[in-house]
PDB file of all heavy atoms in Angstrom:
ATOM      1  N   GLY A   1     100.212  61.652  73.526  1.00  0.00           N
ATOM      2  CA  GLY A   1      98.971  62.041  72.882  1.00  0.00           C
ATOM      3  C   GLY A   1      98.541  63.427  73.283  1.00  0.00           C
ATOM      4  O   GLY A   1      97.617  63.948  72.657  1.00  0.00           O
ATOM      5  N   MET A   2      99.145  64.032  74.307  1.00  0.00           N
ATOM      6  CA  MET A   2      98.840  65.383  74.707  1.00  0.00           C
ATOM      7  C   MET A   2      99.431  66.355  73.681  1.00  0.00           C
ATOM      8  O   MET A   2     100.502  66.157  73.155  1.00  0.00           O
ATOM      9  CB  MET A   2      99.404  65.717  76.114  1.00  0.00           C
ATOM     10  CG  MET A   2      98.766  64.899  77.191  1.00  0.00           C
ATOM     11  SD  MET A   2      99.461  65.316  78.840  1.00  0.00           S
ATOM     12  CE  MET A   2      98.832  66.912  79.141  1.00  0.00           C
ATOM     13  N   THR A   3      98.621  67.393  73.350  1.00  0.00           N
ATOM     14  CA  THR A   3      99.208  68.469  72.487  1.00  0.00           C
ATOM     15  C   THR A   3     100.019  69.388  73.313  1.00  0.00           C
ATOM     16  O   THR A   3      99.953  69.348  74.590  1.00  0.00           O
ATOM     17  CB  THR A   3      98.028  69.225  71.861  1.00  0.00           C
ATOM     18  OG1 THR A   3      97.308  69.975  72.859  1.00  0.00           O
ATOM     19  CG2 THR A   3      97.083  68.312  71.038  1.00  0.00           C
ATOM     20  N   LEU A   4     100.791  70.226  72.665  1.00  0.00           N
ATOM     21  CA  LEU A   4     101.596  71.217  73.437  1.00  0.00           C
ATOM     22  C   LEU A   4     100.738  72.174  74.251  1.00  0.00           C
ATOM     23  O   LEU A   4     101.066  72.557  75.385  1.00  0.00           O
ATOM     24  CB  LEU A   4     102.442  72.018  72.466  1.00  0.00           C
ATOM     25  CG  LEU A   4     103.505  72.881  73.091  1.00  0.00           C
ATOM     26  CD1 LEU A   4     104.483  72.126  73.932  1.00  0.00           C
ATOM     27  CD2 LEU A   4     104.304  73.644  71.994  1.00  0.00           C
ATOM     28  N   GLU A   5      99.532  72.540  73.663  1.00  0.00           N
ATOM     29  CA  GLU A   5      98.622  73.374  74.395  1.00  0.00           C
ATOM     30  C   GLU A   5      98.073  72.704  75.623  1.00  0.00           C
ATOM     31  O   GLU A   5      97.975  73.350  76.718  1.00  0.00           O
ATOM     32  CB  GLU A   5      97.463  73.804  73.532  1.00  0.00           C
ATOM     33  CG  GLU A   5      97.784  74.763  72.405  1.00  0.00           C
ATOM     34  CD  GLU A   5      98.585  74.071  71.310  1.00  0.00           C
ATOM     35  OE1 GLU A   5      98.499  72.837  71.167  1.00  0.00           O
ATOM     36  OE2 GLU A   5      99.292  74.750  70.466  1.00  0.00           O
ATOM     37  N   GLU A   6      97.776  71.405  75.564  1.00  0.00           N
ATOM     38  CA  GLU A   6      97.257  70.653  76.690  1.00  0.00           C
ATOM     39  C   GLU A   6      98.354  70.487  77.744  1.00  0.00           C
ATOM     40  O   GLU A   6      97.965  70.653  78.952  1.00  0.00           O
ATOM     41  CB  GLU A   6      96.805  69.267  76.220  1.00  0.00           C
ATOM     42  CG  GLU A   6      95.499  69.327  75.436  1.00  0.00           C
ATOM     43  CD  GLU A   6      95.099  68.009  74.803  1.00  0.00           C
ATOM     44  OE1 GLU A   6      96.059  67.169  74.654  1.00  0.00           O
ATOM     45  OE2 GLU A   6      93.891  67.764  74.577  1.00  0.00           O
ATOM     46  N   VAL A   7      99.565  70.253  77.400  1.00  0.00           N
ATOM     47  CA  VAL A   7     100.600  70.073  78.405  1.00  0.00           C
ATOM     48  C   VAL A   7     100.900  71.442  79.019  1.00  0.00           C
ATOM     49  O   VAL A   7     101.266  71.476  80.240  1.00  0.00           O
ATOM     50  CB  VAL A   7     101.830  69.379  77.803  1.00  0.00           C
ATOM     51  CG1 VAL A   7     102.713  70.326  77.008  1.00  0.00           C
ATOM     52  CG2 VAL A   7     102.666  68.809  78.923  1.00  0.00           C
ATOM     53  N   ARG A   8     100.818  72.487  78.303  1.00  0.00           N
ATOM     54  CA  ARG A   8     101.016  73.849  78.916  1.00  0.00           C
ATOM     55  C   ARG A   8      99.946  74.153  79.962  1.00  0.00           C
ATOM     56  O   ARG A   8     100.177  74.763  80.947  1.00  0.00           O
ATOM     57  CB  ARG A   8     101.045  74.931  77.806  1.00  0.00           C
ATOM     58  CG  ARG A   8     102.290  74.969  76.999  1.00  0.00           C
ATOM     59  CD  ARG A   8     103.491  75.323  77.823  1.00  0.00           C
ATOM     60  NE  ARG A   8     104.723  75.500  77.002  1.00  0.00           N
ATOM     61  CZ  ARG A   8     105.922  75.590  77.466  1.00  0.00           C
ATOM     62  NH1 ARG A   8     106.139  75.532  78.762  1.00  0.00           N
ATOM     63  NH2 ARG A   8     106.986  75.731  76.696  1.00  0.00           N
ATOM     64  N   CYS A   9      98.685  73.711  79.620  1.00  0.00           N
ATOM     65  CA  CYS A   9      97.551  73.900  80.545  1.00  0.00           C
ATOM     66  C   CYS A   9      97.872  73.043  81.797  1.00  0.00           C
ATOM     67  O   CYS A   9      97.669  73.511  82.961  1.00  0.00           O
ATOM     68  CB  CYS A   9      96.294  73.481  79.922  1.00  0.00           C
ATOM     69  SG  CYS A   9      94.836  73.621  80.949  1.00  0.00           S
ATOM     70  N   TYR A  10      98.286  71.777  81.651  1.00  0.00           N
ATOM     71  CA  TYR A  10      98.607  70.940  82.754  1.00  0.00           C
ATOM     72  C   TYR A  10      99.744  71.617  83.562  1.00  0.00           C
ATOM     73  O   TYR A  10      99.681  71.534  84.795  1.00  0.00           O
ATOM     74  CB  TYR A  10      99.032  69.564  82.241  1.00  0.00           C
ATOM     75  CG  TYR A  10      99.669  68.656  83.286  1.00  0.00           C
ATOM     76  CD1 TYR A  10      98.808  67.905  84.087  1.00  0.00           C
ATOM     77  CD2 TYR A  10     101.019  68.584  83.479  1.00  0.00           C
ATOM     78  CE1 TYR A  10      99.364  67.032  85.059  1.00  0.00           C
ATOM     79  CE2 TYR A  10     101.548  67.766  84.440  1.00  0.00           C
ATOM     80  CZ  TYR A  10     100.686  67.063  85.235  1.00  0.00           C
ATOM     81  OH  TYR A  10     101.250  66.231  86.212  1.00  0.00           O
ATOM     82  N   GLU A  11     100.745  72.132  82.883  1.00  0.00           N
ATOM     83  CA  GLU A  11     101.833  72.749  83.558  1.00  0.00           C
ATOM     84  C   GLU A  11     101.411  73.913  84.417  1.00  0.00           C
ATOM     85  O   GLU A  11     101.794  74.020  85.623  1.00  0.00           O
ATOM     86  CB  GLU A  11     102.817  73.281  82.469  1.00  0.00           C
ATOM     87  CG  GLU A  11     104.128  73.837  82.964  1.00  0.00           C
ATOM     88  CD  GLU A  11     104.978  74.315  81.859  1.00  0.00           C
ATOM     89  OE1 GLU A  11     104.508  75.033  81.001  1.00  0.00           O
ATOM     90  OE2 GLU A  11     106.137  73.975  81.909  1.00  0.00           O
ATOM     91  N   ARG A  12     100.508  74.783  83.889  1.00  0.00           N
ATOM     92  CA  ARG A  12     100.049  75.921  84.701  1.00  0.00           C
ATOM     93  C   ARG A  12      99.279  75.443  85.902  1.00  0.00           C
ATOM     94  O   ARG A  12      99.477  75.988  87.038  1.00  0.00           O
ATOM     95  CB  ARG A  12      99.179  76.858  83.808  1.00  0.00           C
ATOM     96  CG  ARG A  12      99.923  77.610  82.739  1.00  0.00           C
ATOM     97  CD  ARG A  12      99.044  78.689  82.125  1.00  0.00           C
ATOM     98  NE  ARG A  12      97.841  78.099  81.421  1.00  0.00           N
ATOM     99  CZ  ARG A  12      97.859  77.739  80.196  1.00  0.00           C
ATOM    100  NH1 ARG A  12      98.934  77.878  79.472  1.00  0.00           N
ATOM    101  NH2 ARG A  12      96.824  77.237  79.623  1.00  0.00           N
ATOM    102  N   GLU A  13      98.378  74.550  85.705  1.00  0.00           N
ATOM    103  CA  GLU A  13      97.558  74.043  86.854  1.00  0.00           C
ATOM    104  C   GLU A  13      98.356  73.373  87.920  1.00  0.00           C
ATOM    105  O   GLU A  13      98.103  73.457  89.080  1.00  0.00           O
ATOM    106  CB  GLU A  13      96.403  73.234  86.323  1.00  0.00           C
ATOM    107  CG  GLU A  13      95.463  73.989  85.394  1.00  0.00           C
ATOM    108  CD  GLU A  13      94.170  73.173  85.063  1.00  0.00           C
ATOM    109  OE1 GLU A  13      93.968  72.130  85.666  1.00  0.00           O
ATOM    110  OE2 GLU A  13      93.472  73.582  84.117  1.00  0.00           O
ATOM    111  N   THR A  14      99.319  72.591  87.454  1.00  0.00           N
ATOM    112  CA  THR A  14     100.193  71.846  88.378  1.00  0.00           C
ATOM    113  C   THR A  14     101.113  72.867  89.154  1.00  0.00           C
ATOM    114  O   THR A  14     101.290  72.734  90.386  1.00  0.00           O
ATOM    115  CB  THR A  14     101.110  70.823  87.654  1.00  0.00           C
ATOM    116  OG1 THR A  14     100.225  69.999  86.853  1.00  0.00           O
ATOM    117  CG2 THR A  14     101.855  69.961  88.676  1.00  0.00           C
ATOM    118  N   GLN A  15     101.549  73.830  88.462  1.00  0.00           N
ATOM    119  CA  GLN A  15     102.413  74.881  89.172  1.00  0.00           C
ATOM    120  C   GLN A  15     101.597  75.628  90.224  1.00  0.00           C
ATOM    121  O   GLN A  15     102.142  75.859  91.291  1.00  0.00           O
ATOM    122  CB  GLN A  15     102.927  75.852  88.145  1.00  0.00           C
ATOM    123  CG  GLN A  15     104.021  75.225  87.217  1.00  0.00           C
ATOM    124  CD  GLN A  15     104.321  76.133  86.010  1.00  0.00           C
ATOM    125  OE1 GLN A  15     103.737  77.126  85.775  1.00  0.00           O
ATOM    126  NE2 GLN A  15     105.269  75.630  85.207  1.00  0.00           N
ATOM    127  N   GLU A  16     100.352  75.891  89.945  1.00  0.00           N
ATOM    128  CA  GLU A  16      99.477  76.590  90.890  1.00  0.00           C
ATOM    129  C   GLU A  16      99.296  75.648  92.117  1.00  0.00           C
ATOM    130  O   GLU A  16      99.345  76.131  93.298  1.00  0.00           O
ATOM    131  CB  GLU A  16      98.167  76.984  90.333  1.00  0.00           C
ATOM    132  CG  GLU A  16      98.244  78.051  89.252  1.00  0.00           C
ATOM    133  CD  GLU A  16      96.910  78.340  88.570  1.00  0.00           C
ATOM    134  OE1 GLU A  16      95.973  77.563  88.916  1.00  0.00           O
ATOM    135  OE2 GLU A  16      96.829  79.184  87.676  1.00  0.00           O
ATOM    136  N   ALA A  17      99.101  74.407  91.848  1.00  0.00           N
ATOM    137  CA  ALA A  17      98.869  73.461  92.987  1.00  0.00           C
ATOM    138  C   ALA A  17     100.130  73.280  93.793  1.00  0.00           C
ATOM    139  O   ALA A  17     100.093  73.124  94.978  1.00  0.00           O
ATOM    140  CB  ALA A  17      98.433  72.078  92.414  1.00  0.00           C
ATOM    141  N   THR A  18     101.322  73.302  93.103  1.00  0.00           N
ATOM    142  CA  THR A  18     102.650  73.221  93.805  1.00  0.00           C
ATOM    143  C   THR A  18     102.868  74.397  94.646  1.00  0.00           C
ATOM    144  O   THR A  18     103.268  74.306  95.843  1.00  0.00           O
ATOM    145  CB  THR A  18     103.736  73.015  92.790  1.00  0.00           C
ATOM    146  OG1 THR A  18     103.427  71.880  92.001  1.00  0.00           O
ATOM    147  CG2 THR A  18     105.067  72.820  93.554  1.00  0.00           C
ATOM    148  N   ASN A  19     102.667  75.601  94.096  1.00  0.00           N
ATOM    149  CA  ASN A  19     102.844  76.849  94.933  1.00  0.00           C
ATOM    150  C   ASN A  19     101.937  76.824  96.147  1.00  0.00           C
ATOM    151  O   ASN A  19     102.313  77.231  97.228  1.00  0.00           O
ATOM    152  CB  ASN A  19     102.534  78.051  94.074  1.00  0.00           C
ATOM    153  CG  ASN A  19     103.659  78.313  93.043  1.00  0.00           C
ATOM    154  OD1 ASN A  19     104.657  77.639  93.001  1.00  0.00           O
ATOM    155  ND2 ASN A  19     103.418  79.222  92.154  1.00  0.00           N
ATOM    156  N   GLU A  20     100.724  76.353  96.012  1.00  0.00           N
ATOM    157  CA  GLU A  20      99.788  76.224  97.144  1.00  0.00           C
ATOM    158  C   GLU A  20     100.238  75.209  98.181  1.00  0.00           C
ATOM    159  O   GLU A  20     100.173  75.444  99.350  1.00  0.00           O
ATOM    160  CB  GLU A  20      98.380  75.824  96.599  1.00  0.00           C
ATOM    161  CG  GLU A  20      97.333  75.776  97.717  1.00  0.00           C
ATOM    162  CD  GLU A  20      95.968  75.352  97.200  1.00  0.00           C
ATOM    163  OE1 GLU A  20      95.830  75.331  95.979  1.00  0.00           O
ATOM    164  OE2 GLU A  20      95.071  75.117  97.980  1.00  0.00           O
ATOM    165  N   LEU A  21     100.838  74.112  97.627  1.00  0.00           N
ATOM    166  CA  LEU A  21     101.301  73.085  98.586  1.00  0.00           C
ATOM    167  C   LEU A  21     102.503  73.586  99.389  1.00  0.00           C
ATOM    168  O   LEU A  21     102.560  73.288 100.578  1.00  0.00           O
ATOM    169  CB  LEU A  21     101.742  71.840  97.683  1.00  0.00           C
ATOM    170  CG  LEU A  21     102.246  70.638  98.476  1.00  0.00           C
ATOM    171  CD1 LEU A  21     101.169  70.083  99.330  1.00  0.00           C
ATOM    172  CD2 LEU A  21     102.739  69.624  97.454  1.00  0.00           C
ATOM    173  N   ILE A  22     103.382  74.324  98.752  1.00  0.00           N
ATOM    174  CA  ILE A  22     104.546  74.823  99.487  1.00  0.00           C
ATOM    175  C   ILE A  22     104.105  75.863 100.542  1.00  0.00           C
ATOM    176  O   ILE A  22     104.759  75.947 101.594  1.00  0.00           O
ATOM    177  CB  ILE A  22     105.505  75.535  98.506  1.00  0.00           C
ATOM    178  CG1 ILE A  22     106.023  74.488  97.480  1.00  0.00           C
ATOM    179  CG2 ILE A  22     106.648  76.191  99.206  1.00  0.00           C
ATOM    180  CD1 ILE A  22     106.879  75.120  96.327  1.00  0.00           C
ATOM    181  N   GLY A  23     102.951  76.517 100.313  1.00  0.00           N
ATOM    182  CA  GLY A  23     102.497  77.488 101.315  1.00  0.00           C
ATOM    183  C   GLY A  23     102.611  78.922 100.805  1.00  0.00           C
ATOM    184  O   GLY A  23     102.571  79.839 101.618  1.00  0.00           O
ATOM    185  N   LEU A  24     102.765  79.131  99.505  1.00  0.00           N
ATOM    186  CA  LEU A  24     102.987  80.440  98.970  1.00  0.00           C
ATOM    187  C   LEU A  24     101.671  81.136  98.647  1.00  0.00           C
ATOM    188  O   LEU A  24     101.594  82.319  98.448  1.00  0.00           O
ATOM    189  CB  LEU A  24     103.902  80.347  97.699  1.00  0.00           C
ATOM    190  CG  LEU A  24     105.244  79.783  97.935  1.00  0.00           C
ATOM    191  CD1 LEU A  24     105.957  79.576  96.609  1.00  0.00           C
ATOM    192  CD2 LEU A  24     106.075  80.735  98.828  1.00  0.00           C
ATOM    193  N   VAL A  25     100.603  80.330  98.445  1.00  0.00           N
ATOM    194  CA  VAL A  25      99.260  80.864  98.149  1.00  0.00           C
ATOM    195  C   VAL A  25      98.439  80.745  99.427  1.00  0.00           C
ATOM    196  O   VAL A  25      97.936  79.726  99.707  1.00  0.00           O
ATOM    197  CB  VAL A  25      98.671  80.105  97.020  1.00  0.00           C
ATOM    198  CG1 VAL A  25      97.307  80.740  96.666  1.00  0.00           C
ATOM    199  CG2 VAL A  25      99.528  80.089  95.757  1.00  0.00           C
ATOM    200  N   ALA A  26      98.312  81.860 100.146  1.00  0.00           N
ATOM    201  CA  ALA A  26      97.559  81.807 101.403  1.00  0.00           C
ATOM    202  C   ALA A  26      96.207  82.543 101.183  1.00  0.00           C
ATOM    203  O   ALA A  26      96.099  83.473 100.366  1.00  0.00           O
ATOM    204  CB  ALA A  26      98.396  82.610 102.435  1.00  0.00           C
ATOM    205  N   PRO A  27      95.211  82.071 101.900  1.00  0.00           N
ATOM    206  CA  PRO A  27      93.927  82.721 101.807  1.00  0.00           C
ATOM    207  C   PRO A  27      93.986  84.178 102.337  1.00  0.00           C
ATOM    208  O   PRO A  27      94.781  84.472 103.254  1.00  0.00           O
ATOM    209  CB  PRO A  27      93.025  81.805 102.688  1.00  0.00           C
ATOM    210  CG  PRO A  27      93.986  81.226 103.680  1.00  0.00           C
ATOM    211  CD  PRO A  27      95.228  81.028 102.944  1.00  0.00           C
ATOM    212  N   ALA A  28      93.191  85.046 101.763  1.00  0.00           N
ATOM    213  CA  ALA A  28      93.093  86.449 102.250  1.00  0.00           C
ATOM    214  C   ALA A  28      92.445  86.499 103.560  1.00  0.00           C
ATOM    215  O   ALA A  28      91.455  85.804 103.843  1.00  0.00           O
ATOM    216  CB  ALA A  28      92.349  87.283 101.254  1.00  0.00           C
ATOM    217  N   ILE A  29      92.999  87.299 104.494  1.00  0.00           N
ATOM    218  CA  ILE A  29      92.394  87.518 105.854  1.00  0.00           C
ATOM    219  C   ILE A  29      91.907  88.895 105.947  1.00  0.00           C
ATOM    220  O   ILE A  29      92.679  89.904 105.863  1.00  0.00           O
ATOM    221  CB  ILE A  29      93.456  87.267 106.918  1.00  0.00           C
ATOM    222  CG1 ILE A  29      94.010  85.811 106.751  1.00  0.00           C
ATOM    223  CG2 ILE A  29      92.909  87.395 108.262  1.00  0.00           C
ATOM    224  CD1 ILE A  29      95.122  85.481 107.652  1.00  0.00           C
ATOM    225  N   ALA A  30      90.615  89.082 106.207  1.00  0.00           N
ATOM    226  CA  ALA A  30      90.015  90.427 106.357  1.00  0.00           C
ATOM    227  C   ALA A  30      90.224  90.845 107.807  1.00  0.00           C
ATOM    228  O   ALA A  30      89.855  90.153 108.765  1.00  0.00           O
ATOM    229  CB  ALA A  30      88.585  90.417 105.939  1.00  0.00           C
ATOM    230  N   VAL A  31      90.749  92.042 108.021  1.00  0.00           N
ATOM    231  CA  VAL A  31      91.033  92.616 109.333  1.00  0.00           C
ATOM    232  C   VAL A  31      90.286  93.913 109.423  1.00  0.00           C
ATOM    233  O   VAL A  31      90.587  94.815 108.637  1.00  0.00           O
ATOM    234  CB  VAL A  31      92.524  92.766 109.634  1.00  0.00           C
ATOM    235  CG1 VAL A  31      92.737  93.378 110.964  1.00  0.00           C
ATOM    236  CG2 VAL A  31      93.264  91.470 109.422  1.00  0.00           C
ATOM    237  N   SER A  32      89.355  94.059 110.370  1.00  0.00           N
ATOM    238  CA  SER A  32      88.587  95.292 110.451  1.00  0.00           C
ATOM    239  C   SER A  32      88.805  95.922 111.867  1.00  0.00           C
ATOM    240  O   SER A  32      89.023  95.233 112.824  1.00  0.00           O
ATOM    241  CB  SER A  32      87.106  95.089 110.280  1.00  0.00           C
ATOM    242  OG  SER A  32      86.633  94.202 111.231  1.00  0.00           O
ATOM    243  N   GLU A  33      88.865  97.274 111.873  1.00  0.00           N
ATOM    244  CA  GLU A  33      89.076  97.979 113.117  1.00  0.00           C
ATOM    245  C   GLU A  33      88.002  99.119 113.135  1.00  0.00           C
ATOM    246  O   GLU A  33      87.437  99.517 112.112  1.00  0.00           O
ATOM    247  CB  GLU A  33      90.424  98.592 113.165  1.00  0.00           C
ATOM    248  CG  GLU A  33      91.546  97.576 113.173  1.00  0.00           C
ATOM    249  CD  GLU A  33      92.906  98.249 113.356  1.00  0.00           C
ATOM    250  OE1 GLU A  33      92.960  99.503 113.401  1.00  0.00           O
ATOM    251  OE2 GLU A  33      93.945  97.498 113.265  1.00  0.00           O
ATOM    252  N   VAL A  34      87.703  99.543 114.350  1.00  0.00           N
ATOM    253  CA  VAL A  34      86.682 100.579 114.533  1.00  0.00           C
ATOM    254  C   VAL A  34      87.137 101.820 113.769  1.00  0.00           C
ATOM    255  O   VAL A  34      88.154 102.353 113.905  1.00  0.00           O
ATOM    256  CB  VAL A  34      86.480 100.892 116.030  1.00  0.00           C
ATOM    257  CG1 VAL A  34      85.456 102.025 116.162  1.00  0.00           C
ATOM    258  CG2 VAL A  34      86.007  99.643 116.792  1.00  0.00           C
ATOM    259  N   GLY A  35      86.156 102.297 112.913  1.00  0.00           N
ATOM    260  CA  GLY A  35      86.407 103.547 112.248  1.00  0.00           C
ATOM    261  C   GLY A  35      87.328 103.377 111.018  1.00  0.00           C
ATOM    262  O   GLY A  35      87.584 104.394 110.301  1.00  0.00           O
TER     263      GLY A  35
END
């Protein structure tokens, strides 16, 4: 019952979750130094 557009959306969101699960999507770390 899913349309091709819906399954493509599911595909994109699942791929993002998978990449995050593997550890490829890491949070940004701000590093500051004097000056």
